[in-house]
Amino acid sequence: MKVSDILKVKGPEVFTIGEEKLLSEAVSTLVNNKIGVLLVLDSGAKIVGILSERDIIKELYKNPENFWKSKVKNVMTKKVIVVEAADDIDYVESIMTSNRIRHLPVVKNKVLVGLISIGDIVKTLLSESRYENKYLMDYISGSFK
């Protein structure tokens, strides 16, 4: 199964924020949309970072007095790993696991086409294994035609 298969079901929606915005706006966007990450864009709409709940918690711990005044660009993760829409889910899962990350932007021909989470992968793999189990059980029981 490919990343593009997940995006067909999930859709292409990605929440973003400008790098000059305050963390207060980022937190508001995360909470109001019930999401865990924002892609950070510069003034030219280029991806320059990713802001996760983990980044926010670290900043709150390090800078509790000025937390709400902190800018997104000072808190975000600047090294953004992306995957291709044509990548295999097992490959993407290994990237997430080895880098200890839960969200990855998805690109196709260098254009952002979506965002995939570890939850999306787990949901897909679980559904796939249920289908395979049913197929095998039907085969074993003789009800497969």
N, C-alpha and C. Protein backbone atom coordinates (compact mmCIF):
# COMPACT_ATOMS: atom_id res chain seq x y z
N MET A 1 0.84 -1.18 0.00
CA MET A 1 0.00 0.00 0.00
C MET A 1 0.89 1.24 0.00
N LYS A 2 0.42 2.27 -0.66
CA LYS A 2 1.18 3.51 -0.83
C LYS A 2 0.58 4.65 -0.01
N VAL A 3 1.39 5.67 0.23
CA VAL A 3 0.93 6.86 0.94
C VAL A 3 -0.25 7.49 0.20
N SER A 4 -0.19 7.50 -1.11
CA SER A 4 -1.29 8.08 -1.90
C SER A 4 -2.62 7.40 -1.62
N ASP A 5 -2.59 6.11 -1.29
CA ASP A 5 -3.82 5.39 -0.97
C ASP A 5 -4.45 5.93 0.32
N ILE A 6 -3.63 6.25 1.27
CA ILE A 6 -4.13 6.83 2.53
C ILE A 6 -4.70 8.21 2.27
N LEU A 7 -4.01 9.01 1.46
CA LEU A 7 -4.48 10.37 1.18
C LEU A 7 -5.79 10.38 0.40
N LYS A 8 -6.03 9.34 -0.39
CA LYS A 8 -7.31 9.25 -1.11
C LYS A 8 -8.48 9.18 -0.13
N VAL A 9 -8.26 8.49 0.98
CA VAL A 9 -9.30 8.35 2.00
C VAL A 9 -9.31 9.56 2.93
N LYS A 10 -8.15 9.95 3.38
CA LYS A 10 -8.01 11.03 4.36
C LYS A 10 -8.26 12.41 3.77
N GLY A 11 -7.79 12.63 2.56
CA GLY A 11 -7.89 13.93 1.93
C GLY A 11 -6.60 14.72 2.06
N PRO A 12 -6.52 15.84 1.36
CA PRO A 12 -5.27 16.60 1.29
C PRO A 12 -5.12 17.74 2.31
N GLU A 13 -6.09 17.91 3.18
CA GLU A 13 -6.07 19.07 4.07
C GLU A 13 -4.84 19.08 4.98
N VAL A 14 -4.17 20.24 5.01
CA VAL A 14 -3.00 20.45 5.86
C VAL A 14 -3.14 21.82 6.50
N PHE A 15 -2.96 21.87 7.80
CA PHE A 15 -3.02 23.15 8.51
C PHE A 15 -1.62 23.75 8.57
N THR A 16 -1.55 25.05 8.31
CA THR A 16 -0.26 25.74 8.29
C THR A 16 -0.31 26.99 9.15
N ILE A 17 0.88 27.53 9.42
CA ILE A 17 1.00 28.79 10.15
C ILE A 17 2.25 29.50 9.66
N GLY A 18 2.23 30.81 9.74
CA GLY A 18 3.40 31.59 9.34
C GLY A 18 4.47 31.56 10.42
N GLU A 19 5.72 31.62 10.01
CA GLU A 19 6.83 31.53 10.95
C GLU A 19 6.91 32.72 11.91
N GLU A 20 6.33 33.84 11.56
CA GLU A 20 6.36 35.05 12.40
C GLU A 20 5.22 35.10 13.42
N LYS A 21 4.30 34.17 13.33
CA LYS A 21 3.15 34.16 14.25
C LYS A 21 3.59 33.78 15.66
N LEU A 22 2.75 34.15 16.64
CA LEU A 22 3.03 33.83 18.03
C LEU A 22 2.53 32.42 18.36
N LEU A 23 3.13 31.84 19.38
CA LEU A 23 2.70 30.50 19.81
C LEU A 23 1.25 30.49 20.26
N SER A 24 0.78 31.61 20.77
CA SER A 24 -0.63 31.66 21.20
C SER A 24 -1.56 31.35 20.03
N GLU A 25 -1.23 31.86 18.85
CA GLU A 25 -2.05 31.57 17.67
C GLU A 25 -1.90 30.11 17.24
N ALA A 26 -0.70 29.60 17.34
CA ALA A 26 -0.45 28.20 16.98
C ALA A 26 -1.23 27.27 17.90
N VAL A 27 -1.18 27.53 19.19
CA VAL A 27 -1.90 26.68 20.15
C VAL A 27 -3.40 26.76 19.88
N SER A 28 -3.89 27.93 19.61
CA SER A 28 -5.31 28.10 19.30
C SER A 28 -5.71 27.28 18.07
N THR A 29 -4.89 27.32 17.03
CA THR A 29 -5.17 26.56 15.81
C THR A 29 -5.16 25.06 16.09
N LEU A 30 -4.19 24.60 16.86
CA LEU A 30 -4.11 23.18 17.19
C LEU A 30 -5.34 22.72 17.97
N VAL A 31 -5.70 23.49 18.99
CA VAL A 31 -6.82 23.12 19.85
C VAL A 31 -8.14 23.18 19.08
N ASN A 32 -8.37 24.26 18.37
CA ASN A 32 -9.65 24.44 17.66
C ASN A 32 -9.87 23.43 16.55
N ASN A 33 -8.78 22.91 15.98
CA ASN A 33 -8.90 21.94 14.89
C ASN A 33 -8.62 20.50 15.32
N LYS A 34 -8.33 20.34 16.62
CA LYS A 34 -8.07 19.01 17.18
C LYS A 34 -6.98 18.27 16.39
N ILE A 35 -5.86 18.97 16.21
CA ILE A 35 -4.73 18.42 15.47
C ILE A 35 -3.48 18.50 16.33
N GLY A 36 -2.40 17.84 15.90
CA GLY A 36 -1.19 17.79 16.69
C GLY A 36 0.02 18.44 16.07
N VAL A 37 -0.14 19.00 14.85
CA VAL A 37 1.01 19.56 14.17
C VAL A 37 0.58 20.61 13.16
N LEU A 38 1.45 21.59 12.96
CA LEU A 38 1.24 22.62 11.93
C LEU A 38 2.49 22.69 11.07
N LEU A 39 2.30 22.78 9.77
CA LEU A 39 3.44 23.06 8.91
C LEU A 39 3.69 24.56 8.96
N VAL A 40 4.95 24.95 9.02
CA VAL A 40 5.32 26.36 9.14
C VAL A 40 5.81 26.85 7.80
N LEU A 41 5.23 27.97 7.36
CA LEU A 41 5.56 28.55 6.06
C LEU A 41 6.23 29.91 6.24
N ASP A 42 7.14 30.22 5.32
CA ASP A 42 7.73 31.56 5.31
C ASP A 42 6.82 32.49 4.50
N SER A 43 7.25 33.72 4.30
CA SER A 43 6.41 34.70 3.60
C SER A 43 6.17 34.32 2.14
N GLY A 44 7.00 33.45 1.59
CA GLY A 44 6.82 32.99 0.21
C GLY A 44 6.07 31.68 0.11
N ALA A 45 5.43 31.25 1.19
CA ALA A 45 4.65 30.01 1.27
C ALA A 45 5.52 28.76 1.11
N LYS A 46 6.80 28.86 1.43
CA LYS A 46 7.70 27.70 1.40
C LYS A 46 7.73 27.07 2.78
N ILE A 47 7.74 25.74 2.83
CA ILE A 47 7.82 25.03 4.12
C ILE A 47 9.20 25.26 4.72
N VAL A 48 9.22 25.83 5.94
CA VAL A 48 10.49 26.09 6.61
C VAL A 48 10.60 25.36 7.95
N GLY A 49 9.51 24.70 8.34
CA GLY A 49 9.54 23.98 9.60
C GLY A 49 8.23 23.27 9.86
N ILE A 50 8.21 22.61 11.01
CA ILE A 50 7.01 21.92 11.46
C ILE A 50 6.91 22.16 12.96
N LEU A 51 5.73 22.46 13.43
CA LEU A 51 5.51 22.76 14.85
C LEU A 51 4.58 21.70 15.44
N SER A 52 5.12 20.94 16.38
CA SER A 52 4.33 19.87 17.00
C SER A 52 4.00 20.22 18.44
N GLU A 53 3.11 19.44 19.01
CA GLU A 53 2.78 19.60 20.43
C GLU A 53 4.04 19.45 21.27
N ARG A 54 4.91 18.55 20.88
CA ARG A 54 6.15 18.30 21.60
C ARG A 54 7.04 19.56 21.61
N ASP A 55 7.13 20.24 20.46
CA ASP A 55 7.91 21.49 20.39
C ASP A 55 7.35 22.53 21.36
N ILE A 56 6.04 22.60 21.42
CA ILE A 56 5.37 23.59 22.27
C ILE A 56 5.63 23.29 23.74
N ILE A 57 5.53 22.03 24.12
CA ILE A 57 5.78 21.65 25.52
C ILE A 57 7.22 21.96 25.92
N LYS A 58 8.16 21.67 25.03
CA LYS A 58 9.57 21.99 25.32
C LYS A 58 9.75 23.48 25.58
N GLU A 59 9.13 24.31 24.75
CA GLU A 59 9.25 25.76 24.92
C GLU A 59 8.59 26.22 26.21
N LEU A 60 7.46 25.66 26.54
CA LEU A 60 6.78 26.01 27.80
C LEU A 60 7.67 25.68 28.99
N TYR A 61 8.36 24.56 28.93
CA TYR A 61 9.26 24.15 30.01
C TYR A 61 10.47 25.08 30.10
N LYS A 62 11.06 25.42 28.95
CA LYS A 62 12.27 26.25 28.93
C LYS A 62 11.99 27.72 29.16
N ASN A 63 10.82 28.19 28.78
CA ASN A 63 10.54 29.63 28.76
C ASN A 63 9.13 29.93 29.27
N PRO A 64 8.81 29.54 30.50
CA PRO A 64 7.43 29.71 30.97
C PRO A 64 6.97 31.17 31.08
N GLU A 65 7.89 32.07 31.37
CA GLU A 65 7.51 33.48 31.55
C GLU A 65 7.09 34.15 30.24
N ASN A 66 7.78 33.82 29.16
CA ASN A 66 7.52 34.48 27.87
C ASN A 66 6.94 33.53 26.82
N PHE A 67 6.42 32.42 27.28
CA PHE A 67 5.92 31.39 26.37
C PHE A 67 4.96 31.94 25.32
N TRP A 68 3.95 32.66 25.74
CA TRP A 68 2.92 33.13 24.81
C TRP A 68 3.43 34.17 23.83
N LYS A 69 4.56 34.77 24.14
CA LYS A 69 5.14 35.79 23.27
C LYS A 69 6.17 35.21 22.30
N SER A 70 6.49 33.94 22.46
CA SER A 70 7.47 33.29 21.59
C SER A 70 6.92 33.18 20.17
N LYS A 71 7.81 33.36 19.20
CA LYS A 71 7.42 33.22 17.81
C LYS A 71 7.59 31.77 17.37
N VAL A 72 6.74 31.38 16.45
CA VAL A 72 6.76 30.03 15.92
C VAL A 72 8.15 29.67 15.39
N LYS A 73 8.80 30.58 14.69
CA LYS A 73 10.10 30.29 14.07
C LYS A 73 11.17 29.94 15.09
N ASN A 74 11.01 30.38 16.33
CA ASN A 74 11.99 30.11 17.37
C ASN A 74 11.73 28.79 18.09
N VAL A 75 10.61 28.17 17.82
CA VAL A 75 10.20 26.96 18.54
C VAL A 75 10.09 25.75 17.61
N MET A 76 9.79 25.98 16.35
CA MET A 76 9.54 24.91 15.39
C MET A 76 10.76 24.01 15.19
N THR A 77 10.50 22.83 14.68
CA THR A 77 11.56 21.94 14.23
C THR A 77 11.89 22.36 12.80
N LYS A 78 13.15 22.70 12.59
CA LYS A 78 13.55 23.23 11.28
C LYS A 78 13.86 22.14 10.26
N LYS A 79 14.30 20.99 10.74
CA LYS A 79 14.61 19.87 9.83
C LYS A 79 13.31 19.12 9.55
N VAL A 80 12.76 19.37 8.39
CA VAL A 80 11.49 18.74 8.02
C VAL A 80 11.76 17.57 7.08
N ILE A 81 11.36 16.40 7.50
CA ILE A 81 11.47 15.21 6.67
C ILE A 81 10.15 15.08 5.92
N VAL A 82 10.24 14.87 4.62
CA VAL A 82 9.04 14.69 3.81
C VAL A 82 9.08 13.32 3.15
N VAL A 83 7.92 12.83 2.77
CA VAL A 83 7.82 11.58 2.02
C VAL A 83 7.08 11.85 0.72
N GLU A 84 7.25 10.94 -0.21
CA GLU A 84 6.59 11.04 -1.51
C GLU A 84 5.25 10.30 -1.46
N ALA A 85 4.30 10.77 -2.22
CA ALA A 85 2.99 10.11 -2.29
C ALA A 85 3.12 8.67 -2.77
N ALA A 86 4.14 8.37 -3.56
CA ALA A 86 4.34 7.03 -4.11
C ALA A 86 5.08 6.09 -3.15
N ASP A 87 5.51 6.59 -1.99
CA ASP A 87 6.26 5.76 -1.04
C ASP A 87 5.37 4.70 -0.42
N ASP A 88 5.97 3.56 -0.14
CA ASP A 88 5.29 2.45 0.51
C ASP A 88 5.07 2.76 1.99
N ILE A 89 3.96 2.33 2.54
CA ILE A 89 3.62 2.62 3.93
C ILE A 89 4.64 2.03 4.90
N ASP A 90 5.15 0.85 4.61
CA ASP A 90 6.16 0.24 5.48
C ASP A 90 7.41 1.12 5.57
N TYR A 91 7.81 1.70 4.46
CA TYR A 91 8.96 2.60 4.42
C TYR A 91 8.69 3.85 5.27
N VAL A 92 7.52 4.43 5.11
CA VAL A 92 7.15 5.63 5.87
C VAL A 92 7.10 5.33 7.37
N GLU A 93 6.55 4.18 7.70
CA GLU A 93 6.48 3.76 9.10
C GLU A 93 7.89 3.65 9.70
N SER A 94 8.83 3.12 8.93
CA SER A 94 10.20 3.00 9.44
C SER A 94 10.86 4.37 9.61
N ILE A 95 10.56 5.32 8.74
CA ILE A 95 11.09 6.68 8.89
C ILE A 95 10.55 7.31 10.18
N MET A 96 9.26 7.16 10.40
CA MET A 96 8.65 7.73 11.60
C MET A 96 9.23 7.10 12.86
N THR A 97 9.38 5.80 12.85
CA THR A 97 9.89 5.09 14.02
C THR A 97 11.35 5.46 14.30
N SER A 98 12.18 5.44 13.29
CA SER A 98 13.60 5.71 13.51
C SER A 98 13.88 7.17 13.88
N ASN A 99 13.02 8.08 13.44
CA ASN A 99 13.21 9.49 13.76
C ASN A 99 12.33 9.97 14.92
N ARG A 100 11.53 9.06 15.47
CA ARG A 100 10.64 9.37 16.57
C ARG A 100 9.73 10.57 16.27
N ILE A 101 9.09 10.50 15.11
CA ILE A 101 8.16 11.54 14.70
C ILE A 101 6.81 10.93 14.37
N ARG A 102 5.75 11.73 14.49
CA ARG A 102 4.40 11.22 14.29
C ARG A 102 3.70 11.77 13.06
N HIS A 103 4.29 12.78 12.43
CA HIS A 103 3.66 13.40 11.27
C HIS A 103 4.70 13.67 10.19
N LEU A 104 4.30 13.45 8.94
CA LEU A 104 5.18 13.71 7.81
C LEU A 104 4.42 14.40 6.68
N PRO A 105 4.95 15.51 6.19
CA PRO A 105 4.36 16.12 4.99
C PRO A 105 4.57 15.17 3.79
N VAL A 106 3.60 15.17 2.89
CA VAL A 106 3.65 14.33 1.70
C VAL A 106 3.74 15.24 0.47
N VAL A 107 4.72 14.95 -0.38
CA VAL A 107 4.88 15.74 -1.59
C VAL A 107 4.77 14.84 -2.82
N LYS A 108 4.40 15.47 -3.92
CA LYS A 108 4.38 14.79 -5.21
C LYS A 108 4.93 15.80 -6.21
N ASN A 109 6.02 15.44 -6.87
CA ASN A 109 6.69 16.37 -7.78
C ASN A 109 7.05 17.68 -7.08
N LYS A 110 7.51 17.56 -5.85
CA LYS A 110 7.97 18.69 -5.01
C LYS A 110 6.84 19.63 -4.58
N VAL A 111 5.60 19.21 -4.74
CA VAL A 111 4.44 20.01 -4.34
C VAL A 111 3.75 19.31 -3.17
N LEU A 112 3.43 20.06 -2.11
CA LEU A 112 2.74 19.51 -0.95
C LEU A 112 1.36 19.00 -1.35
N VAL A 113 1.09 17.73 -1.02
CA VAL A 113 -0.21 17.14 -1.36
C VAL A 113 -0.96 16.61 -0.15
N GLY A 114 -0.34 16.68 1.03
CA GLY A 114 -1.01 16.20 2.23
C GLY A 114 -0.06 16.02 3.39
N LEU A 115 -0.60 15.45 4.44
CA LEU A 115 0.15 15.18 5.66
C LEU A 115 -0.31 13.82 6.16
N ILE A 116 0.62 12.99 6.57
CA ILE A 116 0.28 11.66 7.05
C ILE A 116 0.77 11.51 8.48
N SER A 117 -0.03 10.85 9.30
CA SER A 117 0.34 10.64 10.70
C SER A 117 0.53 9.16 10.97
N ILE A 118 1.17 8.86 12.07
CA ILE A 118 1.34 7.47 12.47
C ILE A 118 -0.03 6.83 12.72
N GLY A 119 -0.97 7.62 13.19
CA GLY A 119 -2.34 7.13 13.38
C GLY A 119 -2.98 6.71 12.07
N ASP A 120 -2.73 7.46 11.02
CA ASP A 120 -3.25 7.10 9.70
C ASP A 120 -2.69 5.76 9.25
N ILE A 121 -1.40 5.56 9.50
CA ILE A 121 -0.75 4.32 9.11
C ILE A 121 -1.30 3.14 9.91
N VAL A 122 -1.41 3.31 11.21
CA VAL A 122 -1.93 2.24 12.07
C VAL A 122 -3.35 1.86 11.64
N LYS A 123 -4.17 2.86 11.40
CA LYS A 123 -5.56 2.62 10.98
C LYS A 123 -5.60 1.83 9.67
N THR A 124 -4.76 2.21 8.73
CA THR A 124 -4.71 1.54 7.43
C THR A 124 -4.22 0.10 7.57
N LEU A 125 -3.13 -0.09 8.31
CA LEU A 125 -2.59 -1.44 8.48
C LEU A 125 -3.56 -2.34 9.23
N LEU A 126 -4.26 -1.79 10.21
CA LEU A 126 -5.25 -2.57 10.96
C LEU A 126 -6.38 -3.01 10.03
N SER A 127 -6.87 -2.09 9.23
CA SER A 127 -7.94 -2.41 8.28
C SER A 127 -7.48 -3.47 7.28
N GLU A 128 -6.25 -3.31 6.80
CA GLU A 128 -5.69 -4.26 5.84
C GLU A 128 -5.56 -5.66 6.46
N SER A 129 -5.10 -5.72 7.70
CA SER A 129 -4.92 -7.03 8.34
C SER A 129 -6.28 -7.67 8.65
N ARG A 130 -7.29 -6.88 8.97
CA ARG A 130 -8.64 -7.45 9.18
C ARG A 130 -9.17 -8.06 7.90
N TYR A 131 -8.94 -7.38 6.79
CA TYR A 131 -9.38 -7.89 5.50
C TYR A 131 -8.66 -9.20 5.17
N GLU A 132 -7.35 -9.21 5.37
CA GLU A 132 -6.57 -10.43 5.10
C GLU A 132 -7.01 -11.57 6.02
N ASN A 133 -7.26 -11.27 7.29
CA ASN A 133 -7.71 -12.31 8.22
C ASN A 133 -9.04 -12.90 7.78
N LYS A 134 -9.97 -12.04 7.38
CA LYS A 134 -11.27 -12.54 6.92
C LYS A 134 -11.10 -13.40 5.69
N TYR A 135 -10.28 -12.96 4.76
CA TYR A 135 -10.02 -13.72 3.53
C TYR A 135 -9.45 -15.09 3.87
N LEU A 136 -8.48 -15.14 4.77
CA LEU A 136 -7.87 -16.41 5.17
C LEU A 136 -8.86 -17.31 5.91
N MET A 137 -9.66 -16.74 6.78
CA MET A 137 -10.66 -17.52 7.52
C MET A 137 -11.69 -18.10 6.55
N ASP A 138 -12.12 -17.31 5.59
CA ASP A 138 -13.06 -17.81 4.58
C ASP A 138 -12.43 -18.94 3.77
N TYR A 139 -11.17 -18.80 3.45
CA TYR A 139 -10.46 -19.83 2.68
C TYR A 139 -10.34 -21.11 3.49
N ILE A 140 -9.97 -20.98 4.77
CA ILE A 140 -9.80 -22.16 5.64
C ILE A 140 -11.13 -22.86 5.86
N SER A 141 -12.18 -22.08 6.07
CA SER A 141 -13.48 -22.68 6.35
C SER A 141 -14.17 -23.23 5.10
N GLY A 142 -13.63 -22.92 3.93
CA GLY A 142 -14.21 -23.44 2.70
C GLY A 142 -15.29 -22.57 2.13
N SER A 143 -15.56 -21.42 2.72
CA SER A 143 -16.63 -20.57 2.20
C SER A 143 -16.13 -19.60 1.13
N PHE A 144 -14.85 -19.69 0.81
CA PHE A 144 -14.27 -18.86 -0.23
C PHE A 144 -14.61 -19.44 -1.59
N LYS A 145 -15.08 -18.63 -2.48
CA LYS A 145 -15.46 -19.12 -3.81
C LYS A 145 -14.69 -18.41 -4.86
